[in-house]
């Protein structure tokens, strides 16, 4: 019999609000408390559905990375599509993905999720 337990680290969480909010991993403050070397990447994107509207909404995205190899230890998204796009990034983070691996991914263009693999 296999003794398996749920790993409570890096559980994706979504608030189904307007706009939706999705988060996984450490926040910037939590990462600063635990690690000596972190790097934060931030971006904003106006979804194509809103591009021609007078009242544009933006999607805000943040990656929290740690160490010289920039292991991604946090991903936070607020805006259109955050509730749907977080799951795939949660898998990558759970598997120990690095910022370089995110960067090496060909982005779906144009999309909010593209921002997470093209942040500089």
PDB file of N, CA and C in Angstrom:
ATOM      1  N   UNK A   1       0.839  -1.173   0.000  1.00  0.00           N
ATOM      2  CA  UNK A   1       0.000   0.000   0.000  1.00  0.00           C
ATOM      3  C   UNK A   1       0.890   1.244   0.000  1.00  0.00           C
ATOM      4  N   UNK A   2       0.551   2.204  -0.826  1.00  0.00           N
ATOM      5  CA  UNK A   2       1.289   3.455  -0.913  1.00  0.00           C
ATOM      6  C   UNK A   2       0.741   4.428   0.120  1.00  0.00           C
ATOM      7  N   UNK A   3       1.651   5.013   0.883  1.00  0.00           N
ATOM      8  CA  UNK A   3       1.264   6.009   1.879  1.00  0.00           C
ATOM      9  C   UNK A   3       1.433   7.391   1.253  1.00  0.00           C
ATOM     10  N   UNK A   4       0.344   7.979   0.788  1.00  0.00           N
ATOM     11  CA  UNK A   4       0.400   9.283   0.126  1.00  0.00           C
ATOM     12  C   UNK A   4      -0.376  10.308   0.934  1.00  0.00           C
ATOM     13  N   UNK A   5       0.167  11.510   0.936  1.00  0.00           N
ATOM     14  CA  UNK A   5      -0.477  12.618   1.630  1.00  0.00           C
ATOM     15  C   UNK A   5      -0.516  13.822   0.706  1.00  0.00           C
ATOM     16  N   UNK A   6      -1.525  14.628   0.872  1.00  0.00           N
ATOM     17  CA  UNK A   6      -1.643  15.849   0.081  1.00  0.00           C
ATOM     18  C   UNK A   6      -0.564  16.838   0.500  1.00  0.00           C
ATOM     19  N   UNK A   7       0.149  17.375  -0.476  1.00  0.00           N
ATOM     20  CA  UNK A   7       1.159  18.400  -0.234  1.00  0.00           C
ATOM     21  C   UNK A   7       0.457  19.754  -0.259  1.00  0.00           C
ATOM     22  N   UNK A   8       0.426  20.408   0.873  1.00  0.00           N
ATOM     23  CA  UNK A   8      -0.297  21.672   0.986  1.00  0.00           C
ATOM     24  C   UNK A   8       0.515  22.882   0.525  1.00  0.00           C
ATOM     25  N   UNK A   9       1.732  22.661   0.049  1.00  0.00           N
ATOM     26  CA  UNK A   9       2.523  23.755  -0.511  1.00  0.00           C
ATOM     27  C   UNK A   9       2.038  24.052  -1.920  1.00  0.00           C
ATOM     28  N   UNK A  10       2.018  25.296  -2.265  1.00  0.00           N
ATOM     29  CA  UNK A  10       1.672  25.727  -3.626  1.00  0.00           C
ATOM     30  C   UNK A  10       0.293  25.267  -4.094  1.00  0.00           C
ATOM     31  N   UNK A  11      -0.700  25.521  -3.297  1.00  0.00           N
ATOM     32  CA  UNK A  11      -2.076  25.248  -3.710  1.00  0.00           C
ATOM     33  C   UNK A  11      -2.633  26.512  -4.359  1.00  0.00           C
ATOM     34  N   UNK A  12      -3.080  26.368  -5.588  1.00  0.00           N
ATOM     35  CA  UNK A  12      -3.644  27.508  -6.317  1.00  0.00           C
ATOM     36  C   UNK A  12      -4.945  27.947  -5.652  1.00  0.00           C
ATOM     37  N   UNK A  13      -5.111  29.258  -5.546  1.00  0.00           N
ATOM     38  CA  UNK A  13      -6.300  29.834  -4.936  1.00  0.00           C
ATOM     39  C   UNK A  13      -6.861  30.900  -5.865  1.00  0.00           C
ATOM     40  N   UNK A  14      -8.170  30.876  -6.044  1.00  0.00           N
ATOM     41  CA  UNK A  14      -8.820  31.860  -6.909  1.00  0.00           C
ATOM     42  C   UNK A  14      -9.987  32.489  -6.162  1.00  0.00           C
ATOM     43  N   UNK A  15     -10.112  33.799  -6.291  1.00  0.00           N
ATOM     44  CA  UNK A  15     -11.286  34.519  -5.805  1.00  0.00           C
ATOM     45  C   UNK A  15     -12.107  34.848  -7.047  1.00  0.00           C
ATOM     46  N   UNK A  16     -13.296  34.277  -7.129  1.00  0.00           N
ATOM     47  CA  UNK A  16     -14.160  34.486  -8.292  1.00  0.00           C
ATOM     48  C   UNK A  16     -14.923  35.798  -8.132  1.00  0.00           C
ATOM     49  N   UNK A  17     -14.176  36.865  -8.250  1.00  0.00           N
ATOM     50  CA  UNK A  17     -14.718  38.211  -8.114  1.00  0.00           C
ATOM     51  C   UNK A  17     -14.676  38.881  -9.478  1.00  0.00           C
ATOM     52  N   UNK A  18     -14.965  40.157  -9.497  1.00  0.00           N
ATOM     53  CA  UNK A  18     -14.864  40.901 -10.757  1.00  0.00           C
ATOM     54  C   UNK A  18     -13.963  42.102 -10.525  1.00  0.00           C
ATOM     55  N   UNK A  19     -12.730  42.094 -10.944  1.00  0.00           N
ATOM     56  CA  UNK A  19     -12.101  41.036 -11.735  1.00  0.00           C
ATOM     57  C   UNK A  19     -11.661  39.871 -10.846  1.00  0.00           C
ATOM     58  N   UNK A  20     -11.475  38.692 -11.441  1.00  0.00           N
ATOM     59  CA  UNK A  20     -11.004  37.556 -10.653  1.00  0.00           C
ATOM     60  C   UNK A  20      -9.545  37.739 -10.230  1.00  0.00           C
ATOM     61  N   UNK A  21      -9.198  37.057  -9.147  1.00  0.00           N
ATOM     62  CA  UNK A  21      -7.837  37.101  -8.611  1.00  0.00           C
ATOM     63  C   UNK A  21      -7.359  35.667  -8.443  1.00  0.00           C
ATOM     64  N   UNK A  22      -6.150  35.384  -8.908  1.00  0.00           N
ATOM     65  CA  UNK A  22      -5.569  34.057  -8.760  1.00  0.00           C
ATOM     66  C   UNK A  22      -4.183  34.157  -8.163  1.00  0.00           C
ATOM     67  N   UNK A  23      -3.857  33.219  -7.282  1.00  0.00           N
ATOM     68  CA  UNK A  23      -2.552  33.252  -6.630  1.00  0.00           C
ATOM     69  C   UNK A  23      -2.070  31.842  -6.324  1.00  0.00           C
ATOM     70  N   UNK A  24      -0.781  31.659  -6.401  1.00  0.00           N
ATOM     71  CA  UNK A  24      -0.145  30.416  -5.966  1.00  0.00           C
ATOM     72  C   UNK A  24       1.246  30.745  -5.458  1.00  0.00           C
ATOM     73  N   UNK A  25       1.664  30.055  -4.425  1.00  0.00           N
ATOM     74  CA  UNK A  25       3.020  30.221  -3.915  1.00  0.00           C
ATOM     75  C   UNK A  25       3.166  31.403  -2.987  1.00  0.00           C
ATOM     76  N   UNK A  26       4.406  31.849  -2.872  1.00  0.00           N
ATOM     77  CA  UNK A  26       4.738  32.910  -1.928  1.00  0.00           C
ATOM     78  C   UNK A  26       4.453  34.295  -2.490  1.00  0.00           C
ATOM     79  N   UNK A  27       4.069  35.189  -1.599  1.00  0.00           N
ATOM     80  CA  UNK A  27       3.957  36.598  -1.961  1.00  0.00           C
ATOM     81  C   UNK A  27       5.358  37.205  -1.939  1.00  0.00           C
ATOM     82  N   UNK A  28       5.474  38.418  -2.421  1.00  0.00           N
ATOM     83  CA  UNK A  28       6.762  39.112  -2.398  1.00  0.00           C
ATOM     84  C   UNK A  28       7.271  39.264  -0.964  1.00  0.00           C
ATOM     85  N   UNK A  29       6.400  39.649  -0.045  1.00  0.00           N
ATOM     86  CA  UNK A  29       6.800  39.815   1.357  1.00  0.00           C
ATOM     87  C   UNK A  29       7.243  38.493   1.977  1.00  0.00           C
ATOM     88  N   UNK A  30       6.492  37.422   1.725  1.00  0.00           N
ATOM     89  CA  UNK A  30       6.860  36.107   2.264  1.00  0.00           C
ATOM     90  C   UNK A  30       8.206  35.645   1.718  1.00  0.00           C
ATOM     91  N   UNK A  31       8.433  35.863   0.434  1.00  0.00           N
ATOM     92  CA  UNK A  31       9.702  35.469  -0.181  1.00  0.00           C
ATOM     93  C   UNK A  31      10.867  36.252   0.417  1.00  0.00           C
ATOM     94  N   UNK A  32      10.669  37.543   0.657  1.00  0.00           N
ATOM     95  CA  UNK A  32      11.722  38.365   1.272  1.00  0.00           C
ATOM     96  C   UNK A  32      12.074  37.886   2.674  1.00  0.00           C
ATOM     97  N   UNK A  33      11.094  37.357   3.409  1.00  0.00           N
ATOM     98  CA  UNK A  33      11.341  36.837   4.754  1.00  0.00           C
ATOM     99  C   UNK A  33      12.134  35.534   4.724  1.00  0.00           C
ATOM    100  N   UNK A  34      11.924  34.711   3.689  1.00  0.00           N
ATOM    101  CA  UNK A  34      12.523  33.376   3.636  1.00  0.00           C
ATOM    102  C   UNK A  34      13.835  33.286   2.872  1.00  0.00           C
ATOM    103  N   UNK A  35      14.026  34.138   1.897  1.00  0.00           N
ATOM    104  CA  UNK A  35      15.173  33.999   1.002  1.00  0.00           C
ATOM    105  C   UNK A  35      15.984  35.289   0.938  1.00  0.00           C
ATOM    106  N   UNK A  36      17.279  35.120   0.675  1.00  0.00           N
ATOM    107  CA  UNK A  36      18.169  36.274   0.552  1.00  0.00           C
ATOM    108  C   UNK A  36      18.085  36.923  -0.817  1.00  0.00           C
ATOM    109  N   UNK A  37      17.891  36.120  -1.838  1.00  0.00           N
ATOM    110  CA  UNK A  37      17.942  36.644  -3.202  1.00  0.00           C
ATOM    111  C   UNK A  37      16.635  36.335  -3.934  1.00  0.00           C
ATOM    112  N   UNK A  38      15.804  37.362  -4.088  1.00  0.00           N
ATOM    113  CA  UNK A  38      14.584  37.181  -4.872  1.00  0.00           C
ATOM    114  C   UNK A  38      14.543  38.237  -5.976  1.00  0.00           C
ATOM    115  N   UNK A  39      13.790  37.931  -7.000  1.00  0.00           N
ATOM    116  CA  UNK A  39      13.579  38.892  -8.086  1.00  0.00           C
ATOM    117  C   UNK A  39      12.093  38.880  -8.408  1.00  0.00           C
ATOM    118  N   UNK A  40      11.546  40.068  -8.592  1.00  0.00           N
ATOM    119  CA  UNK A  40      10.128  40.233  -8.878  1.00  0.00           C
ATOM    120  C   UNK A  40       9.966  40.718 -10.312  1.00  0.00           C
ATOM    121  N   UNK A  41       9.059  40.083 -11.026  1.00  0.00           N
ATOM    122  CA  UNK A  41       8.701  40.514 -12.378  1.00  0.00           C
ATOM    123  C   UNK A  41       7.232  40.922 -12.352  1.00  0.00           C
ATOM    124  N   UNK A  42       6.924  42.087 -12.917  1.00  0.00           N
ATOM    125  CA  UNK A  42       5.544  42.582 -12.950  1.00  0.00           C
ATOM    126  C   UNK A  42       5.196  43.025 -14.359  1.00  0.00           C
ATOM    127  N   UNK A  43       3.918  42.895 -14.688  1.00  0.00           N
ATOM    128  CA  UNK A  43       3.448  43.372 -15.984  1.00  0.00           C
ATOM    129  C   UNK A  43       1.951  43.639 -15.905  1.00  0.00           C
ATOM    130  N   UNK A  44       1.475  44.438 -16.837  1.00  0.00           N
ATOM    131  CA  UNK A  44       0.039  44.674 -17.010  1.00  0.00           C
ATOM    132  C   UNK A  44      -0.297  44.486 -18.476  1.00  0.00           C
ATOM    133  N   UNK A  45      -1.516  44.022 -18.724  1.00  0.00           N
ATOM    134  CA  UNK A  45      -1.944  43.737 -20.090  1.00  0.00           C
ATOM    135  C   UNK A  45      -3.417  44.108 -20.222  1.00  0.00           C
ATOM    136  N   UNK A  46      -3.766  44.733 -21.319  1.00  0.00           N
ATOM    137  CA  UNK A  46      -5.173  45.001 -21.617  1.00  0.00           C
ATOM    138  C   UNK A  46      -5.676  43.878 -22.513  1.00  0.00           C
ATOM    139  N   UNK A  47      -6.603  43.055 -22.005  1.00  0.00           N
ATOM    140  CA  UNK A  47      -7.120  41.958 -22.823  1.00  0.00           C
ATOM    141  C   UNK A  47      -7.745  42.470 -24.120  1.00  0.00           C
ATOM    142  N   UNK A  48      -7.621  41.699 -25.168  1.00  0.00           N
ATOM    143  CA  UNK A  48      -8.130  42.102 -26.475  1.00  0.00           C
ATOM    144  C   UNK A  48      -9.624  42.422 -26.434  1.00  0.00           C
ATOM    145  N   UNK A  49     -10.370  41.725 -25.588  1.00  0.00           N
ATOM    146  CA  UNK A  49     -11.808  41.974 -25.483  1.00  0.00           C
ATOM    147  C   UNK A  49     -12.101  43.397 -25.014  1.00  0.00           C
ATOM    148  N   UNK A  50     -11.148  44.018 -24.328  1.00  0.00           N
ATOM    149  CA  UNK A  50     -11.330  45.371 -23.800  1.00  0.00           C
ATOM    150  C   UNK A  50     -10.584  46.436 -24.593  1.00  0.00           C
ATOM    151  N   UNK A  51      -9.815  46.047 -25.574  1.00  0.00           N
ATOM    152  CA  UNK A  51      -8.898  46.967 -26.256  1.00  0.00           C
ATOM    153  C   UNK A  51      -9.593  48.168 -26.891  1.00  0.00           C
ATOM    154  N   UNK A  52     -10.799  47.995 -27.400  1.00  0.00           N
ATOM    155  CA  UNK A  52     -11.486  49.085 -28.086  1.00  0.00           C
ATOM    156  C   UNK A  52     -12.510  49.809 -27.216  1.00  0.00           C
ATOM    157  N   UNK A  53     -12.612  49.418 -25.960  1.00  0.00           N
ATOM    158  CA  UNK A  53     -13.568  50.048 -25.056  1.00  0.00           C
ATOM    159  C   UNK A  53     -13.022  51.364 -24.515  1.00  0.00           C
ATOM    160  N   UNK A  54     -13.929  52.273 -24.187  1.00  0.00           N
ATOM    161  CA  UNK A  54     -13.512  53.519 -23.547  1.00  0.00           C
ATOM    162  C   UNK A  54     -12.973  53.260 -22.141  1.00  0.00           C
ATOM    163  N   UNK A  55     -13.615  52.323 -21.430  1.00  0.00           N
ATOM    164  CA  UNK A  55     -13.188  51.977 -20.076  1.00  0.00           C
ATOM    165  C   UNK A  55     -12.416  50.658 -20.143  1.00  0.00           C
ATOM    166  N   UNK A  56     -11.119  50.764 -20.340  1.00  0.00           N
ATOM    167  CA  UNK A  56     -10.283  49.575 -20.468  1.00  0.00           C
ATOM    168  C   UNK A  56      -9.957  48.998 -19.091  1.00  0.00           C
ATOM    169  N   UNK A  57      -9.982  47.699 -18.997  1.00  0.00           N
ATOM    170  CA  UNK A  57      -9.515  47.030 -17.787  1.00  0.00           C
ATOM    171  C   UNK A  57      -8.170  46.385 -18.102  1.00  0.00           C
ATOM    172  N   UNK A  58      -7.338  46.284 -17.102  1.00  0.00           N
ATOM    173  CA  UNK A  58      -6.047  45.638 -17.300  1.00  0.00           C
ATOM    174  C   UNK A  58      -5.940  44.417 -16.407  1.00  0.00           C
ATOM    175  N   UNK A  59      -5.105  43.500 -16.825  1.00  0.00           N
ATOM    176  CA  UNK A  59      -4.767  42.339 -16.019  1.00  0.00           C
ATOM    177  C   UNK A  59      -3.371  42.582 -15.465  1.00  0.00           C
ATOM    178  N   UNK A  60      -3.232  42.511 -14.146  1.00  0.00           N
ATOM    179  CA  UNK A  60      -1.937  42.695 -13.486  1.00  0.00           C
ATOM    180  C   UNK A  60      -1.358  41.326 -13.159  1.00  0.00           C
ATOM    181  N   UNK A  61      -0.079  41.155 -13.464  1.00  0.00           N
ATOM    182  CA  UNK A  61       0.579  39.870 -13.268  1.00  0.00           C
ATOM    183  C   UNK A  61       1.898  40.064 -12.535  1.00  0.00           C
ATOM    184  N   UNK A  62       2.225  39.113 -11.664  1.00  0.00           N
ATOM    185  CA  UNK A  62       3.484  39.189 -10.918  1.00  0.00           C
ATOM    186  C   UNK A  62       4.058  37.786 -10.759  1.00  0.00           C
ATOM    187  N   UNK A  63       5.358  37.661 -11.013  1.00  0.00           N
ATOM    188  CA  UNK A  63       6.098  36.438 -10.724  1.00  0.00           C
ATOM    189  C   UNK A  63       7.099  36.735  -9.622  1.00  0.00           C
ATOM    190  N   UNK A  64       7.204  35.819  -8.671  1.00  0.00           N
ATOM    191  CA  UNK A  64       8.182  35.911  -7.596  1.00  0.00           C
ATOM    192  C   UNK A  64       9.185  34.786  -7.828  1.00  0.00           C
ATOM    193  N   UNK A  65      10.458  35.149  -7.989  1.00  0.00           N
ATOM    194  CA  UNK A  65      11.501  34.166  -8.291  1.00  0.00           C
ATOM    195  C   UNK A  65      12.567  34.202  -7.208  1.00  0.00           C
ATOM    196  N   UNK A  66      13.251  33.051  -7.034  1.00  0.00           N
ATOM    197  CA  UNK A  66      14.234  32.925  -5.956  1.00  0.00           C
ATOM    198  C   UNK A  66      15.522  32.308  -6.477  1.00  0.00           C
ATOM    199  N   UNK A  67      16.646  32.826  -5.978  1.00  0.00           N
ATOM    200  CA  UNK A  67      17.956  32.243  -6.242  1.00  0.00           C
ATOM    201  C   UNK A  67      18.553  32.632  -7.580  1.00  0.00           C
ATOM    202  N   UNK A  68      19.770  32.135  -7.805  1.00  0.00           N
ATOM    203  CA  UNK A  68      20.474  32.437  -9.048  1.00  0.00           C
ATOM    204  C   UNK A  68      19.777  31.853 -10.274  1.00  0.00           C
ATOM    205  N   UNK A  69      19.133  30.693 -10.104  1.00  0.00           N
ATOM    206  CA  UNK A  69      18.424  30.093 -11.247  1.00  0.00           C
ATOM    207  C   UNK A  69      17.000  30.623 -11.393  1.00  0.00           C
ATOM    208  N   UNK A  70      16.611  31.528 -10.515  1.00  0.00           N
ATOM    209  CA  UNK A  70      15.291  32.165 -10.541  1.00  0.00           C
ATOM    210  C   UNK A  70      14.141  31.150 -10.600  1.00  0.00           C
ATOM    211  N   UNK A  71      14.151  30.240  -9.630  1.00  0.00           N
ATOM    212  CA  UNK A  71      13.027  29.310  -9.502  1.00  0.00           C
ATOM    213  C   UNK A  71      11.771  30.127  -9.209  1.00  0.00           C
ATOM    214  N   UNK A  72      10.696  29.858  -9.930  1.00  0.00           N
ATOM    215  CA  UNK A  72       9.445  30.591  -9.731  1.00  0.00           C
ATOM    216  C   UNK A  72       8.770  30.037  -8.480  1.00  0.00           C
ATOM    217  N   UNK A  73       8.612  30.898  -7.470  1.00  0.00           N
ATOM    218  CA  UNK A  73       8.032  30.467  -6.197  1.00  0.00           C
ATOM    219  C   UNK A  73       6.707  31.160  -5.896  1.00  0.00           C
ATOM    220  N   UNK A  74       6.257  32.015  -6.808  1.00  0.00           N
ATOM    221  CA  UNK A  74       4.972  32.679  -6.631  1.00  0.00           C
ATOM    222  C   UNK A  74       4.471  33.244  -7.939  1.00  0.00           C
ATOM    223  N   UNK A  75       3.164  33.178  -8.125  1.00  0.00           N
ATOM    224  CA  UNK A  75       2.520  33.747  -9.308  1.00  0.00           C
ATOM    225  C   UNK A  75       1.199  34.348  -8.854  1.00  0.00           C
ATOM    226  N   UNK A  76       0.987  35.611  -9.207  1.00  0.00           N
ATOM    227  CA  UNK A  76      -0.196  36.331  -8.749  1.00  0.00           C
ATOM    228  C   UNK A  76      -0.790  37.094  -9.923  1.00  0.00           C
ATOM    229  N   UNK A  77      -2.083  36.903 -10.145  1.00  0.00           N
ATOM    230  CA  UNK A  77      -2.755  37.494 -11.302  1.00  0.00           C
ATOM    231  C   UNK A  77      -4.063  38.118 -10.836  1.00  0.00           C
ATOM    232  N   UNK A  78      -4.324  39.338 -11.293  1.00  0.00           N
ATOM    233  CA  UNK A  78      -5.598  39.982 -11.012  1.00  0.00           C
ATOM    234  C   UNK A  78      -6.108  40.581 -12.312  1.00  0.00           C
ATOM    235  N   UNK A  79      -7.254  40.085 -12.759  1.00  0.00           N
ATOM    236  CA  UNK A  79      -7.835  40.613 -13.976  1.00  0.00           C
ATOM    237  C   UNK A  79      -8.509  39.531 -14.792  1.00  0.00           C
ATOM    238  N   UNK A  80      -9.016  39.949 -15.932  1.00  0.00           N
ATOM    239  CA  UNK A  80      -9.753  39.064 -16.827  1.00  0.00           C
ATOM    240  C   UNK A  80      -8.947  37.796 -17.122  1.00  0.00           C
ATOM    241  N   UNK A  81      -9.536  36.645 -16.852  1.00  0.00           N
ATOM    242  CA  UNK A  81      -8.901  35.371 -17.156  1.00  0.00           C
ATOM    243  C   UNK A  81      -8.013  34.805 -16.073  1.00  0.00           C
ATOM    244  N   UNK A  82      -7.802  35.541 -14.990  1.00  0.00           N
ATOM    245  CA  UNK A  82      -6.923  35.053 -13.922  1.00  0.00           C
ATOM    246  C   UNK A  82      -7.387  33.711 -13.381  1.00  0.00           C
ATOM    247  N   UNK A  83      -8.697  33.550 -13.260  1.00  0.00           N
ATOM    248  CA  UNK A  83      -9.254  32.320 -12.714  1.00  0.00           C
ATOM    249  C   UNK A  83      -8.969  31.116 -13.608  1.00  0.00           C
ATOM    250  N   UNK A  84      -8.895  31.305 -14.903  1.00  0.00           N
ATOM    251  CA  UNK A  84      -8.664  30.197 -15.828  1.00  0.00           C
ATOM    252  C   UNK A  84      -7.183  29.944 -16.095  1.00  0.00           C
ATOM    253  N   UNK A  85      -6.395  30.996 -16.216  1.00  0.00           N
ATOM    254  CA  UNK A  85      -5.001  30.794 -16.618  1.00  0.00           C
ATOM    255  C   UNK A  85      -4.104  30.319 -15.486  1.00  0.00           C
ATOM    256  N   UNK A  86      -4.513  30.487 -14.240  1.00  0.00           N
ATOM    257  CA  UNK A  86      -3.634  30.149 -13.124  1.00  0.00           C
ATOM    258  C   UNK A  86      -3.312  28.661 -13.052  1.00  0.00           C
ATOM    259  N   UNK A  87      -4.246  27.794 -13.415  1.00  0.00           N
ATOM    260  CA  UNK A  87      -4.040  26.357 -13.232  1.00  0.00           C
ATOM    261  C   UNK A  87      -2.791  25.840 -13.933  1.00  0.00           C
ATOM    262  N   UNK A  88      -2.588  26.220 -15.178  1.00  0.00           N
ATOM    263  CA  UNK A  88      -1.407  25.756 -15.907  1.00  0.00           C
ATOM    264  C   UNK A  88      -0.113  26.237 -15.285  1.00  0.00           C
ATOM    265  N   UNK A  89      -0.109  27.476 -14.830  1.00  0.00           N
ATOM    266  CA  UNK A  89       1.090  28.002 -14.190  1.00  0.00           C
ATOM    267  C   UNK A  89       1.300  27.355 -12.824  1.00  0.00           C
ATOM    268  N   UNK A  90       0.218  26.954 -12.171  1.00  0.00           N
ATOM    269  CA  UNK A  90       0.338  26.248 -10.895  1.00  0.00           C
ATOM    270  C   UNK A  90       1.061  24.920 -11.082  1.00  0.00           C
ATOM    271  N   UNK A  91       0.760  24.210 -12.160  1.00  0.00           N
ATOM    272  CA  UNK A  91       1.445  22.946 -12.454  1.00  0.00           C
ATOM    273  C   UNK A  91       2.939  23.200 -12.644  1.00  0.00           C
ATOM    274  N   UNK A  92       3.279  24.218 -13.422  1.00  0.00           N
ATOM    275  CA  UNK A  92       4.690  24.533 -13.681  1.00  0.00           C
ATOM    276  C   UNK A  92       5.427  24.868 -12.387  1.00  0.00           C
ATOM    277  N   UNK A  93       4.800  25.656 -11.532  1.00  0.00           N
ATOM    278  CA  UNK A  93       5.433  26.046 -10.273  1.00  0.00           C
ATOM    279  C   UNK A  93       5.588  24.834  -9.366  1.00  0.00           C
ATOM    280  N   UNK A  94       4.572  23.996  -9.307  1.00  0.00           N
ATOM    281  CA  UNK A  94       4.627  22.783  -8.488  1.00  0.00           C
ATOM    282  C   UNK A  94       5.770  21.875  -8.943  1.00  0.00           C
ATOM    283  N   UNK A  95       6.071  21.906 -10.241  1.00  0.00           N
ATOM    284  CA  UNK A  95       7.139  21.070 -10.796  1.00  0.00           C
ATOM    285  C   UNK A  95       8.517  21.721 -10.669  1.00  0.00           C
ATOM    286  N   UNK A  96       8.596  22.934 -10.112  1.00  0.00           N
ATOM    287  CA  UNK A  96       9.879  23.580  -9.888  1.00  0.00           C
ATOM    288  C   UNK A  96      10.398  24.393 -11.054  1.00  0.00           C
ATOM    289  N   UNK A  97       9.514  24.914 -11.876  1.00  0.00           N
ATOM    290  CA  UNK A  97       9.917  25.678 -13.064  1.00  0.00           C
ATOM    291  C   UNK A  97      10.734  26.911 -12.699  1.00  0.00           C
ATOM    292  N   UNK A  98      11.628  27.266 -13.606  1.00  0.00           N
ATOM    293  CA  UNK A  98      12.443  28.469 -13.446  1.00  0.00           C
ATOM    294  C   UNK A  98      11.954  29.548 -14.404  1.00  0.00           C
ATOM    295  N   UNK A  99      12.396  30.769 -14.152  1.00  0.00           N
ATOM    296  CA  UNK A  99      12.048  31.883 -15.039  1.00  0.00           C
ATOM    297  C   UNK A  99      12.544  31.608 -16.457  1.00  0.00           C
ATOM    298  N   UNK A 100      13.722  31.006 -16.604  1.00  0.00           N
ATOM    299  CA  UNK A 100      14.248  30.688 -17.927  1.00  0.00           C
ATOM    300  C   UNK A 100      13.327  29.716 -18.658  1.00  0.00           C
ATOM    301  N   UNK A 101      12.794  28.738 -17.945  1.00  0.00           N
ATOM    302  CA  UNK A 101      11.861  27.804 -18.578  1.00  0.00           C
ATOM    303  C   UNK A 101      10.586  28.522 -19.011  1.00  0.00           C
ATOM    304  N   UNK A 102      10.117  29.465 -18.203  1.00  0.00           N
ATOM    305  CA  UNK A 102       8.980  30.280 -18.627  1.00  0.00           C
ATOM    306  C   UNK A 102       9.351  31.050 -19.889  1.00  0.00           C
ATOM    307  N   UNK A 103      10.539  31.672 -19.876  1.00  0.00           N
ATOM    308  CA  UNK A 103      10.991  32.480 -21.015  1.00  0.00           C
ATOM    309  C   UNK A 103      11.151  31.650 -22.288  1.00  0.00           C
ATOM    310  N   UNK A 104      11.529  30.392 -22.143  1.00  0.00           N
ATOM    311  CA  UNK A 104      11.754  29.521 -23.301  1.00  0.00           C
ATOM    312  C   UNK A 104      10.460  28.987 -23.908  1.00  0.00           C
ATOM    313  N   UNK A 105       9.333  29.320 -23.304  1.00  0.00           N
ATOM    314  CA  UNK A 105       8.031  28.880 -23.797  1.00  0.00           C
ATOM    315  C   UNK A 105       7.527  29.848 -24.863  1.00  0.00           C
ATOM    316  N   UNK A 106       7.070  29.304 -25.984  1.00  0.00           N
ATOM    317  CA  UNK A 106       6.485  30.144 -27.030  1.00  0.00           C
ATOM    318  C   UNK A 106       5.114  30.599 -26.542  1.00  0.00           C
ATOM    319  N   UNK A 107       4.910  31.894 -26.529  1.00  0.00           N
ATOM    320  CA  UNK A 107       3.692  32.479 -25.965  1.00  0.00           C
ATOM    321  C   UNK A 107       2.521  32.422 -26.938  1.00  0.00           C
ATOM    322  N   UNK A 108       1.325  32.315 -26.380  1.00  0.00           N
ATOM    323  CA  UNK A 108       0.094  32.462 -27.156  1.00  0.00           C
ATOM    324  C   UNK A 108      -0.133  33.961 -27.301  1.00  0.00           C
ATOM    325  N   UNK A 109      -0.212  34.424 -28.535  1.00  0.00           N
ATOM    326  CA  UNK A 109      -0.278  35.872 -28.784  1.00  0.00           C
ATOM    327  C   UNK A 109      -1.531  36.229 -29.568  1.00  0.00           C
ATOM    328  N   UNK A 110      -2.230  37.256 -29.196  1.00  0.00           N
ATOM    329  CA  UNK A 110      -2.077  38.081 -28.003  1.00  0.00           C
ATOM    330  C   UNK A 110      -2.928  37.524 -26.871  1.00  0.00           C
ATOM    331  N   UNK A 111      -2.379  37.430 -25.698  1.00  0.00           N
ATOM    332  CA  UNK A 111      -3.130  36.936 -24.543  1.00  0.00           C
ATOM    333  C   UNK A 111      -2.515  37.472 -23.260  1.00  0.00           C
ATOM    334  N   UNK A 112      -3.313  37.492 -22.208  1.00  0.00           N
ATOM    335  CA  UNK A 112      -2.796  37.916 -20.906  1.00  0.00           C
ATOM    336  C   UNK A 112      -1.740  36.941 -20.409  1.00  0.00           C
ATOM    337  N   UNK A 113      -1.950  35.641 -20.636  1.00  0.00           N
ATOM    338  CA  UNK A 113      -0.988  34.644 -20.159  1.00  0.00           C
ATOM    339  C   UNK A 113       0.368  34.794 -20.831  1.00  0.00           C
ATOM    340  N   UNK A 114       0.386  35.387 -22.007  1.00  0.00           N
ATOM    341  CA  UNK A 114       1.642  35.649 -22.715  1.00  0.00           C
ATOM    342  C   UNK A 114       2.596  36.475 -21.851  1.00  0.00           C
ATOM    343  N   UNK A 115       2.050  37.366 -21.066  1.00  0.00           N
ATOM    344  CA  UNK A 115       2.879  38.238 -20.237  1.00  0.00           C
ATOM    345  C   UNK A 115       3.750  37.446 -19.268  1.00  0.00           C
ATOM    346  N   UNK A 116       3.245  36.313 -18.777  1.00  0.00           N
ATOM    347  CA  UNK A 116       3.999  35.533 -17.797  1.00  0.00           C
ATOM    348  C   UNK A 116       5.206  34.827 -18.398  1.00  0.00           C
ATOM    349  N   UNK A 117       5.233  34.646 -19.704  1.00  0.00           N
ATOM    350  CA  UNK A 117       6.381  33.984 -20.334  1.00  0.00           C
ATOM    351  C   UNK A 117       7.227  34.955 -21.151  1.00  0.00           C
ATOM    352  N   UNK A 118       6.922  36.247 -21.053  1.00  0.00           N
ATOM    353  CA  UNK A 118       7.723  37.249 -21.770  1.00  0.00           C
ATOM    354  C   UNK A 118       8.190  38.384 -20.858  1.00  0.00           C
ATOM    355  N   UNK A 119       8.014  38.258 -19.544  1.00  0.00           N
ATOM    356  CA  UNK A 119       8.422  39.318 -18.610  1.00  0.00           C
ATOM    357  C   UNK A 119       9.933  39.490 -18.622  1.00  0.00           C
ATOM    358  N   UNK A 120      10.387  40.729 -18.623  1.00  0.00           N
ATOM    359  CA  UNK A 120      11.830  40.999 -18.583  1.00  0.00           C
ATOM    360  C   UNK A 120      12.140  41.917 -17.441  1.00  0.00           C
TER     361      UNK A 120
END
